[in-house]
Amino acid sequence: MSGGAIERRWLELGPLFDRAFELDAAERAHFLAGIDDAELREALTDLLEQAGRATPLDDGSGRLAAALIESGLEGRRLGAWRVGRAIGAGGQAHVFAAMRADGTYEQQAAIKILRYGLHDAYERERFARERAILARLDHPHIARLLDGGLTEEGVPWFALEYVDGQPLTAWCDERRLDLDARLALFGAICAAVDYAHRNLVVHRDLKPSNILVRGDGTLKLLDFGIARLLDDGDRDATRTEARLLTPAYAAPEQRDGGAVTTATDVYALGVLLHELLTGSRPHWREDASLRAASAALTGAAAQTPAQARASEPRALRKRVAGELDLILAKALQRDPAQRYAGAAELAADLDRHARGVPIRARPDSRRYRAAKFVGRHRLGLAVGAAFALAILAGLAATLWQARAARVEAERADAARDFVLALFDGVTPDESKGRTVSARELLDRGALRLAETLNAQPELEAELSTALASAYRQLGDYARAAELAERALGHGDGDAARAEALVERGRIFAAQGKFEEAERDLREALARSPDRRGGIELRLAEVLSERGRLPDARALAEAALARARGDDAETEMRALAALGGIRFRSGDLDGAAATLRETLALRRARDGETHTQTAAVEHDLGVVVLQQGDAKAAADLFAQAMATRRTLLGAEHPDLAESEFNLGTALRRQGDRAGAAERIGHAVALQKKLLGENHPSVANGLNSLAVIAFEQGDTAGAITYLEAALRAARATYGDRHPTVATMQNNLAGMQRSAGRYDDAETNARAAVATTIAALGEDHYLVGIARLGLGNTLAERGRGDAALEEIRAAHALLAAKLGAEHQDTLQAQAALAAALRQTGQLDAARAEATSALAAGERAFPAGHPRLGKLRLIAARVAAERGDCEDALPQLAAADKELAAGGAAVRVDRAWVAVERASCRRRLHAEDADEAARAARDAIAALPFAPAELVAANAALVAMR
């Protein structure tokens, strides 16, 4: 609503509003009923309702002004944003949904705007402070500040990341998350609060409604409206804001007007955790504890919180009345000095609890440490630096519980002694303060196997398998393989041998030896049919890598059907496997949906910082990258990298894989330098860890070839690709999609070098290999046929080229969408082929369509946009329309300038077409343009025949 419209409405409604506002409810209803004009009556009713919610700081006319303006906000532009429906309101501000409306890109936001008519200087300062605090915070679990400004009337507003989610407690209860999943989510909250603390910000209003969780399990911390900086010493403001806090979550010092520190947020986190775990907030008394809350969890009253947490009441009482009670008691101390100092300390103690190591909230003792040792080995759970210890813990649990009932006592004693002996010298006195790594413990265990257990071969085999698994997860495949072989050499029983075979199969798969992996897994399946589901799932993953997708899909779907509702871990693994199979089958949307479902489950169950969560983030990134969203893919790869570096260390194959794909995403965004650095480092690490012939190394060499080509080193690119193709064939054989991709890429490089016979041979082989591996309907067939068509076009075989390119474009449009980057590349090639065969009207239609879509798909100045524009310009020039072609050529040259050596031929075409048009127009600079074209061609290491012929025609035009 414009200012003039507001003024006219004021004149009409003002007198009526003044009379109605002072009436009580009954009198007001009677007054409104007496207004004959229905539209006027409805408008006045709306204004009265809004004014009733407005601040009490204004008089009646101020309330009317505020209500009039706020009623007209919907549909207005605030900066780049179009204001939508109201989604929230408080005493200080309104919140509206909004959409970006400047045409740059689509984005949703939440607009927070100070209430109109609110002239209190303190409230305005608090609003400005919230915006300033948000501007300094950039964390994945804190809603980001996007924009800000003033309305035409001078009222401040700011735009926040829009969060479509539920309050934390409601989200958890609706999904019946168990306690471990709730603790994992709480850890993410602590990470966000700790980030704020490290940026000197205390939130001061932590509660479920200020923590929203999206459907995929991503949580966001909101509302820093009463947050303050730690270096802000305004005690008067602190006392004023005491009336704004939420009493149920406020720390004693907040309620008493005392000093606020990071421990203040710890108190609110304690209340929040209590509510998450028990379904209720602690009672406000000195002895408030989880133990007291858990004692009330009996009979029918216990069913609601227990059921909401996927737990039985007895189990729930046991969990919350132990160490968690001690952790909560420390977080909820009345004296801030007795609490955890900050969110990081609270999270660290919860992490210790999860790993089964002694917590800081409990006094230390030998008895307690021994109990924790047994407990964490029984549970087999560890994270972070103790990643490998989880394997030993699981082993101890197996030997001391499940097998203890059916093996002789001395065998169980031997296992116990073996595991305990690994920790000799781990005490601070004996290790002299040096941290003993998990890897050292594993190495010690591997050495002790033969020394201590040679008289018990079955036990030695089981321990060897467990240690092999640990080494595999640490990325030391050679050591893992040695131990798996040792296990197979000592164990004769079907169960033990099957377990060793499964482990060796997983090691073979990690090494890229998929044929050997399949052989071991099939033998294990025959020996241990009772473990069918888990083994079949491993087999499905291997078959998918080998390109046998229908068989892989059948196994994964069967495993998923068996696991649904009964086995959460197998269900998530099956979903992840299906996501990969759908991706390889060309179903990108199906793959993305499946992996997003898996990621939501992983985050809810295992938390953000977990190797399995990182694996799904990585796999989803691969799919999203192929869908064309390089920025989103890069974010997923970066997150996976951060987690893998934290948990697995700086030299692990999984970390190298994520870094490699991050480099690929950066290249797609045009960051060639960043891409070269990431990919180069990743490939060097993969060679070191995996050897020259591993499939990951082959993929890395393929990407290094692309980078070399973009830097102008065509010969080096061909050398890289030939090595990559040899490595891929050594792993996969001749009928595999990866082999086909490398054949197609090699054909493109050979075409650029003028080796047309070799290029056509490899391009045809790529098409045949892709069809043999995936069938004729896979989008990769479209990629291969496009490569063949481009080769034929450069050889001057226009009709044959047009047939291949037309088929490629149709297939890519059907499978990837009309505006996918690969589809646009094919459409541009189609326009070029139509131009080459003289079909200029059709060529113009395709070129115009591709350019229009490209301007939506690529950012301004992107080299790929320059390629599309060049095709449109060449078609215009061929039609004799140089007035249209010349501006397009100038714009294309600017865009291509960012493409480096990879677009030298394209820029030479720009020069030739520009010179040709200048000659046709008899321009004064025609000779100068012709010299520039000649120099551009002379600088090329190889000039395509069509380009040379075009330049010859240009010379003949003199």
Foldseek 3Di string as FASTA:
>chain_A
DDPVVLVVLCVVCVVVQVVLLPDDPVVNVVSLVPDPPPVSSVVSVQLSVQLVLAAPPDDSVQSSSLSSVVVPQQQDDDDQWHWHAWDDDDHFWTKTWIWGHPPQDTAIWIKIWGGGSPPPPVSVVLVVVVLVLLQVDDDQAAWHWDAWDADPVGTTMTITHDDDFAFPQVVLLVVLAALLLSLQLLLVVLVRQVSSVVVQKHQQADDRVQWGADPLGRIHGHDSSVIDGNPDPPLVSLLVCLVVYDVLQFAPCSVVSHDDAQLRVLSSSLQRSLCNLQVHGWDPDLPTWLLVSLVPLDDPNVCSSQRSNVHDSVVSSVVRNPVVRLLSNQSNHNDSVSHPRHSVLSSVQVLCVQQLADGPSDDDDPVSRVVSVLVNLLVLDHFFQCQLVSLNSPVLNCLPPVCCVPDDPVLSVLSVVLLVVLCVQCDCVSVVNDHDTNVSSLVVSVVCLCVRCVVPLQSSLQVLLSSLQSCVVLLQLVSSLVSLVSSCVRDDALQSNLSSLQSNLVSCVVLLQLVSSLVSLVSSCVSCVVCVLVSLQSNLLSCLQLLVLVSSLVSLVVSLVVPVPPPLVSNLSSLLSNLSSCVSLLQLVSSLVSLSNSLSSCCSNPNLQDLVNLVSLQSNLVSVVQLQPLVSSLVSLVSSLVSCCRGNNDQHLVNLLSLQVNLVSCVSQLNLVSSCVSLVVSLVSCCVSRNQLGLVNLVSLQVVLVSCLLQPNLVSSLVSLVSSLVSCCVSRNLQDLVNLVSLLSNLVSCVLLVVLVSSLVSLVSSLVSCCSSRNCLHLSNLVSLLSNLVSCVLVVNLVVSLVSLVVSLVSCCVSNNCLRLVNLVSLLSNLVSCVSVPVLVVSLVSLVVSLVSVPVSHDQLALSNLSSLLSNLVSCVSVVNNVVNLVSLVSSLSSNVSSHNNCLQVVLSSLLSNLQSCLVVVHPCSVVSLVVSVVSCVPRSDHRPVSVVSNVVSVVSD
